[in-house]
Amino acid sequence: MIRWNVFSFFVVLVIGFSCRRDKEAPVPECIPIPPYPGPSVGFGYGYITVGESYSTPCFNPQNGNEICFRASNEIIAFDISAGVKTTIYSGTVWGRPVWGENGWIIFGKNHNIYKVKSDGDSLTQLTLTGNCYAPQWCNHGAEFICELVYDDPGFPDVHAGRFTADGVILDSIRQPYTGSAAVSPFSQNLYAVYESYSYDSVANNLNYNLMVIDIETHEAKIIAEGESGILGLTWVDDHRVVWSLMDGIYVSDINSLETTQLKETCNSINYQWFDYGVQSDKILYQKTTQTLLDSTTVEVKNRIYLMNTDVSNEDEIEIP
């Protein structure tokens, strides 16, 4: 469940449905996986992955028919219209590869940031400090931001660093920051939206916030608050962000601070790693579906989908 901040406005829509007595009740789209029935020690359920796992998709910002994603330890480019996939990079990949307007794909591995051309050429290491994670292109590919981890008692342990496209650090943004982030393709003043967190020592738990920040001025504000980590988020225009938690998909307006739930979900269907395509006007995402096979085993599928910005018309991308 979500705990909205005091600035949020609440709109509750109650819609009544009627049905004939002779019709069966509809089957719920999302059937939760119950807690593991055995002792609370060990690893609980056994998980079986079905088929190839495709994860962390991203659009080519210059071509809405092209995407890249991870498959095992590879970064794959895929032409949706032609049905052709190409291996760009083989090796360790941490987190999501992000395709930039400059034609380079940026990604993390081994505590540092790398980039490679979209044709697989010119693999380049950008950072050397060993504390850099989850990069995002910004300023139309001229710069990138990433997560920085510092052991500095005067500042948050995790915040954002801003670099040139060649890895020269420009700025350190002293705001709590995690790798769940999205840079707006609509804003020239470099707005980014991301998940931050704070620790409540009284309640002994983490508070997760959806925040927006001006990368130039460092001005930040909380858009919404939650009790669990964000699975996916993306801008869909210059003032709205679509994002997801375990229990649903939401849209937040950064101006009015209104947040609306677009879709209810549960722990057996996760919507993750959102990316909005300006050319296609679609949201690209990873959908993880879990099915309980028996009392101890869960089947897992990781596939890539497209949907409208109102989260309607889900369509799986068939990858050969």
Protein backbone atom coordinates (compact mmCIF):
# COMPACT_ATOMS: atom_id res chain seq x y z
CA MET A 1 0.00 0.00 0.00
CA ILE A 2 1.04 3.61 -0.57
CA ARG A 3 1.31 6.34 2.07
CA TRP A 4 0.81 9.55 0.09
CA ASN A 5 2.40 12.76 1.35
CA VAL A 6 0.30 15.63 2.66
CA PHE A 7 0.49 17.53 -0.59
CA SER A 8 -1.19 14.81 -2.61
CA PHE A 9 -4.80 14.98 -3.65
CA PHE A 10 -7.00 11.93 -3.33
CA VAL A 11 -9.53 10.91 -5.97
CA VAL A 12 -11.49 7.74 -5.34
CA LEU A 13 -13.59 6.32 -8.12
CA VAL A 14 -16.16 3.75 -7.16
CA ILE A 15 -17.46 1.85 -10.15
CA GLY A 16 -20.27 -0.63 -9.85
CA PHE A 17 -20.53 -3.70 -12.00
CA SER A 18 -23.58 -5.85 -12.51
CA CYS A 19 -23.66 -9.35 -13.84
CA ARG A 20 -26.17 -12.05 -14.68
CA ARG A 21 -26.61 -14.81 -12.13
CA ASP A 22 -25.83 -17.45 -14.74
CA LYS A 23 -22.40 -15.97 -15.56
CA GLU A 24 -19.28 -17.15 -13.79
CA ALA A 25 -17.22 -14.59 -11.92
CA PRO A 26 -14.19 -13.42 -13.92
CA VAL A 27 -10.86 -15.01 -13.10
CA PRO A 28 -8.55 -12.47 -11.41
CA GLU A 29 -5.67 -11.37 -13.64
CA CYS A 30 -3.22 -11.50 -10.76
CA ILE A 31 -3.35 -14.39 -8.28
CA PRO A 32 -0.91 -13.74 -5.40
CA ILE A 33 1.75 -16.26 -4.46
CA PRO A 34 1.06 -17.16 -0.82
CA PRO A 35 3.81 -17.15 1.81
CA TYR A 36 5.94 -20.27 1.79
CA PRO A 37 4.12 -22.86 3.92
CA GLY A 38 7.24 -24.41 5.44
CA PRO A 39 9.55 -23.20 8.22
CA SER A 40 10.87 -19.65 7.91
CA VAL A 41 14.44 -20.84 7.40
CA GLY A 42 16.30 -21.59 4.19
CA PHE A 43 15.27 -20.16 0.83
CA GLY A 44 11.58 -21.03 0.74
CA TYR A 45 10.16 -21.72 -2.73
CA GLY A 46 12.21 -23.26 -5.48
CA TYR A 47 12.06 -21.14 -8.66
CA ILE A 48 12.15 -22.55 -12.20
CA THR A 49 12.77 -20.11 -15.05
CA VAL A 50 10.91 -20.95 -18.26
CA GLY A 51 12.67 -20.22 -21.55
CA GLU A 52 15.14 -17.40 -22.11
CA SER A 53 14.97 -14.52 -19.63
CA TYR A 54 14.82 -11.07 -21.21
CA SER A 55 15.22 -8.11 -18.86
CA THR A 56 15.91 -4.36 -18.44
CA PRO A 57 14.71 -3.18 -21.89
CA CYS A 58 15.41 0.27 -23.31
CA PHE A 59 14.39 2.07 -26.52
CA ASN A 60 16.78 3.47 -29.08
CA PRO A 61 15.80 7.15 -28.62
CA GLN A 62 16.39 7.76 -32.34
CA ASN A 63 14.32 4.80 -33.59
CA GLY A 64 11.16 3.54 -31.90
CA ASN A 65 11.46 0.17 -33.65
CA GLU A 66 14.79 -0.64 -32.00
CA ILE A 67 15.35 -1.71 -28.41
CA CYS A 68 18.16 -3.19 -26.36
CA PHE A 69 17.92 -5.52 -23.38
CA ARG A 70 19.82 -8.07 -21.33
CA ALA A 71 19.75 -11.80 -22.00
CA SER A 72 21.98 -13.73 -19.58
CA ASN A 73 25.39 -12.01 -19.79
CA GLU A 74 24.75 -10.25 -23.09
CA ILE A 75 23.40 -6.92 -24.27
CA ILE A 76 21.13 -7.54 -27.26
CA ALA A 77 19.83 -5.04 -29.82
CA PHE A 78 16.53 -5.99 -31.43
CA ASP A 79 14.71 -4.56 -34.44
CA ILE A 80 11.02 -5.07 -33.64
CA SER A 81 9.79 -4.60 -37.22
CA ALA A 82 12.41 -6.81 -38.87
CA GLY A 83 12.56 -9.36 -36.05
CA VAL A 84 16.36 -9.26 -36.09
CA LYS A 85 18.50 -9.38 -32.95
CA THR A 86 22.19 -8.56 -32.68
CA THR A 87 24.59 -9.20 -29.80
CA ILE A 88 26.25 -5.91 -28.89
CA TYR A 89 28.28 -7.04 -25.90
CA SER A 90 29.06 -10.30 -24.10
CA GLY A 91 30.28 -10.27 -20.54
CA THR A 92 29.34 -8.96 -17.11
CA VAL A 93 26.46 -6.47 -17.01
CA TRP A 94 25.08 -4.90 -13.85
CA GLY A 95 21.65 -3.31 -14.04
CA ARG A 96 20.17 -1.79 -17.15
CA PRO A 97 21.95 -0.86 -20.39
CA VAL A 98 20.74 2.56 -21.60
CA TRP A 99 20.77 3.62 -25.26
CA GLY A 100 21.70 7.28 -25.76
CA GLU A 101 20.96 9.85 -28.43
CA ASN A 102 24.70 9.84 -29.10
CA GLY A 103 24.55 6.23 -30.40
CA TRP A 104 26.33 4.76 -27.36
CA ILE A 105 24.91 2.24 -24.89
CA ILE A 106 25.99 2.86 -21.30
CA PHE A 107 25.96 0.24 -18.54
CA GLY A 108 27.53 -0.76 -15.26
CA LYS A 109 29.78 -3.66 -14.35
CA ASN A 110 32.27 -4.44 -11.60
CA HIS A 111 31.49 -1.19 -9.69
CA ASN A 112 32.26 1.05 -12.68
CA ILE A 113 30.59 2.52 -15.78
CA TYR A 114 31.23 1.49 -19.39
CA LYS A 115 29.91 2.45 -22.80
CA VAL A 116 29.84 0.64 -26.13
CA LYS A 117 28.65 1.74 -29.57
CA SER A 118 25.32 0.33 -30.70
CA ASP A 119 27.14 -1.75 -33.33
CA GLY A 120 29.25 -3.39 -30.60
CA ASP A 121 32.40 -1.39 -31.34
CA SER A 122 34.64 0.67 -29.03
CA LEU A 123 33.96 -0.70 -25.56
CA THR A 124 35.20 2.06 -23.23
CA GLN A 125 35.57 2.22 -19.45
CA LEU A 126 34.36 5.62 -18.17
CA THR A 127 34.99 5.49 -14.41
CA LEU A 128 37.82 4.03 -12.34
CA THR A 129 36.84 4.74 -8.74
CA GLY A 130 34.91 1.52 -8.14
CA ASN A 131 31.85 3.18 -6.57
CA CYS A 132 29.66 3.92 -9.63
CA TYR A 133 26.39 2.19 -10.57
CA ALA A 134 23.20 2.45 -12.65
CA PRO A 135 24.10 5.10 -15.27
CA GLN A 136 21.56 7.20 -17.21
CA TRP A 137 22.33 9.41 -20.20
CA CYS A 138 21.28 13.05 -19.81
CA ASN A 139 21.66 16.34 -21.68
CA HIS A 140 20.87 14.47 -24.92
CA GLY A 141 23.84 12.13 -24.57
CA ALA A 142 26.45 14.79 -23.78
CA GLU A 143 26.50 13.70 -20.10
CA PHE A 144 25.45 10.90 -17.82
CA ILE A 145 24.44 10.59 -14.19
CA CYS A 146 24.98 7.53 -12.03
CA GLU A 147 24.71 6.29 -8.50
CA LEU A 148 27.74 7.04 -6.32
CA VAL A 149 28.41 5.24 -3.04
CA TYR A 150 30.61 7.07 -0.53
CA ASP A 151 31.61 6.35 3.04
CA ASP A 152 31.13 9.96 4.08
CA PRO A 153 29.42 10.65 7.44
CA GLY A 154 28.62 14.22 6.42
CA PHE A 155 26.42 13.23 3.46
CA PRO A 156 24.10 10.42 2.39
CA ASP A 157 25.91 7.20 1.62
CA VAL A 158 24.30 7.00 -1.82
CA HIS A 159 23.83 9.98 -4.10
CA ALA A 160 24.25 10.97 -7.76
CA GLY A 161 27.28 11.94 -9.79
CA ARG A 162 27.14 13.89 -13.04
CA PHE A 163 29.80 13.21 -15.69
CA THR A 164 30.70 14.15 -19.24
CA ALA A 165 30.10 11.46 -21.87
CA ASP A 166 33.80 10.61 -21.58
CA GLY A 167 33.69 10.07 -17.81
CA VAL A 168 34.96 13.40 -16.44
CA ILE A 169 33.05 14.21 -13.26
CA LEU A 170 31.20 17.54 -13.33
CA ASP A 171 29.14 17.55 -10.18
CA SER A 172 28.04 15.55 -7.15
CA ILE A 173 24.35 15.86 -6.34
CA ARG A 174 23.97 15.49 -2.58
CA GLN A 175 20.54 13.91 -2.57
CA PRO A 176 19.73 10.33 -1.53
CA TYR A 177 19.66 8.44 -4.81
CA THR A 178 19.26 4.92 -6.13
CA GLY A 179 19.53 3.36 -9.55
CA SER A 180 15.76 3.45 -10.13
CA ALA A 181 15.91 6.67 -12.13
CA ALA A 182 14.69 8.26 -15.36
CA VAL A 183 15.92 11.41 -17.08
CA SER A 184 13.18 13.37 -18.85
CA PRO A 185 13.47 13.45 -22.66
CA PHE A 186 11.17 16.51 -22.65
CA SER A 187 12.93 18.94 -20.32
CA GLN A 188 15.89 21.09 -21.27
CA ASN A 189 16.65 21.86 -17.62
CA LEU A 190 17.59 18.23 -17.05
CA TYR A 191 14.90 17.04 -14.68
CA ALA A 192 15.37 13.52 -13.41
CA VAL A 193 12.93 11.47 -11.37
CA TYR A 194 14.20 8.75 -9.11
CA GLU A 195 13.68 6.69 -6.02
CA SER A 196 15.31 7.87 -2.82
CA TYR A 197 15.00 6.59 0.69
CA SER A 198 15.45 7.59 4.30
CA TYR A 199 15.81 5.52 7.43
CA ASP A 200 13.26 5.87 10.22
CA SER A 201 15.20 4.96 13.36
CA VAL A 202 12.04 5.03 15.51
CA ALA A 203 10.08 2.60 13.32
CA ASN A 204 13.28 0.81 12.27
CA ASN A 205 12.38 0.78 8.58
CA LEU A 206 13.23 2.45 5.28
CA ASN A 207 10.93 5.07 3.78
CA TYR A 208 10.91 5.11 -0.01
CA ASN A 209 10.17 8.34 -1.90
CA LEU A 210 9.54 9.20 -5.51
CA MET A 211 11.42 12.46 -6.10
CA VAL A 212 12.09 14.87 -8.91
CA ILE A 213 15.30 16.90 -9.07
CA ASP A 214 16.74 19.60 -11.27
CA ILE A 215 20.21 18.32 -12.07
CA GLU A 216 21.49 21.87 -12.60
CA THR A 217 20.19 23.50 -9.41
CA HIS A 218 19.86 20.35 -7.23
CA GLU A 219 16.36 21.52 -6.23
CA ALA A 220 14.33 18.44 -5.27
CA LYS A 221 10.82 17.65 -4.12
CA ILE A 222 8.94 14.52 -3.10
CA ILE A 223 6.20 13.46 -5.51
CA ALA A 224 4.92 10.41 -3.63
CA GLU A 225 5.89 8.19 -0.73
CA GLY A 226 5.77 4.41 -0.47
CA GLU A 227 6.63 1.51 1.76
CA SER A 228 8.49 -0.61 -0.79
CA GLY A 229 11.02 -0.19 -3.56
CA ILE A 230 10.01 1.10 -6.99
CA LEU A 231 10.13 -1.52 -9.77
CA GLY A 232 9.90 0.75 -12.80
CA LEU A 233 9.46 4.43 -13.70
CA THR A 234 9.47 6.60 -16.80
CA TRP A 235 8.37 10.03 -18.00
CA VAL A 236 5.42 10.00 -20.45
CA ASP A 237 5.29 13.78 -21.00
CA ASP A 238 6.85 16.89 -19.49
CA HIS A 239 4.94 16.66 -16.20
CA ARG A 240 3.76 13.06 -15.68
CA VAL A 241 5.64 9.99 -14.50
CA VAL A 242 4.36 6.41 -14.70
CA TRP A 243 5.83 4.11 -12.05
CA SER A 244 5.19 0.77 -10.40
CA LEU A 245 5.31 -1.02 -7.07
CA MET A 246 4.48 -4.61 -6.21
CA ASP A 247 0.81 -3.71 -5.73
CA GLY A 248 0.19 -1.61 -8.83
CA ILE A 249 1.08 0.89 -11.54
CA TYR A 250 0.68 4.61 -10.81
CA VAL A 251 0.90 7.96 -12.55
CA SER A 252 2.07 11.10 -10.74
CA ASP A 253 1.87 14.72 -11.86
CA ILE A 254 4.98 16.63 -10.74
CA ASN A 255 3.11 19.96 -10.79
CA SER A 256 -0.13 19.14 -8.96
CA LEU A 257 1.42 16.30 -6.93
CA GLU A 258 -1.61 14.17 -7.73
CA THR A 259 -1.03 10.41 -7.90
CA THR A 260 -3.51 7.94 -9.41
CA GLN A 261 -3.39 4.16 -9.53
CA LEU A 262 -3.74 2.98 -13.13
CA LYS A 263 -3.64 -0.76 -12.53
CA GLU A 264 -3.76 -3.08 -9.54
CA THR A 265 -1.19 -5.89 -9.45
CA CYS A 266 0.19 -8.40 -6.97
CA ASN A 267 3.38 -10.33 -6.19
CA SER A 268 2.87 -12.85 -9.01
CA ILE A 269 3.00 -10.27 -11.84
CA ASN A 270 5.68 -7.58 -11.68
CA TYR A 271 5.93 -4.63 -14.07
CA GLN A 272 9.55 -3.50 -14.12
CA TRP A 273 12.13 -1.35 -15.92
CA PHE A 274 9.83 1.11 -17.73
CA ASP A 275 11.05 3.16 -20.70
CA TYR A 276 8.92 5.55 -22.74
CA GLY A 277 9.41 5.79 -26.50
CA VAL A 278 8.81 9.30 -27.84
CA GLN A 279 8.38 8.06 -31.44
CA SER A 280 6.08 5.15 -30.60
CA ASP A 281 4.23 6.81 -27.67
CA LYS A 282 4.48 3.43 -25.88
CA ILE A 283 5.93 2.19 -22.62
CA LEU A 284 8.48 -0.61 -22.96
CA TYR A 285 8.87 -2.84 -19.91
CA GLN A 286 9.90 -6.15 -18.41
CA LYS A 287 7.02 -8.30 -17.18
CA THR A 288 7.87 -11.02 -14.69
CA THR A 289 5.13 -13.60 -14.22
CA GLN A 290 5.23 -16.17 -11.42
CA THR A 291 2.97 -19.22 -11.26
CA LEU A 292 2.68 -21.58 -8.30
CA LEU A 293 3.18 -25.10 -9.66
CA ASP A 294 2.93 -26.95 -6.36
CA SER A 295 3.42 -26.29 -2.66
CA THR A 296 7.17 -25.74 -3.04
CA THR A 297 7.80 -24.65 -6.66
CA VAL A 298 7.21 -21.41 -8.58
CA GLU A 299 7.54 -21.05 -12.36
CA VAL A 300 9.04 -17.72 -13.53
CA LYS A 301 8.85 -16.05 -16.94
CA ASN A 302 10.71 -12.82 -17.82
CA ARG A 303 9.47 -11.27 -21.06
CA ILE A 304 9.45 -7.84 -22.73
CA TYR A 305 6.22 -5.99 -23.53
CA LEU A 306 4.82 -2.75 -24.89
CA MET A 307 1.74 -0.93 -23.56
CA ASN A 308 0.00 2.41 -23.93
CA THR A 309 0.78 5.21 -21.51
CA ASP A 310 -2.55 4.54 -19.74
CA VAL A 311 -1.20 0.95 -19.29
CA SER A 312 -3.80 -0.54 -21.67
CA ASN A 313 -3.19 -2.92 -24.60
CA GLU A 314 -0.29 -4.97 -23.32
CA ASP A 315 1.55 -6.62 -26.20
CA GLU A 316 4.44 -9.07 -25.81
CA ILE A 317 7.43 -8.51 -28.13
CA GLU A 318 8.17 -11.85 -29.75
CA ILE A 319 11.95 -12.35 -29.69
CA PRO A 320 13.29 -15.34 -31.67
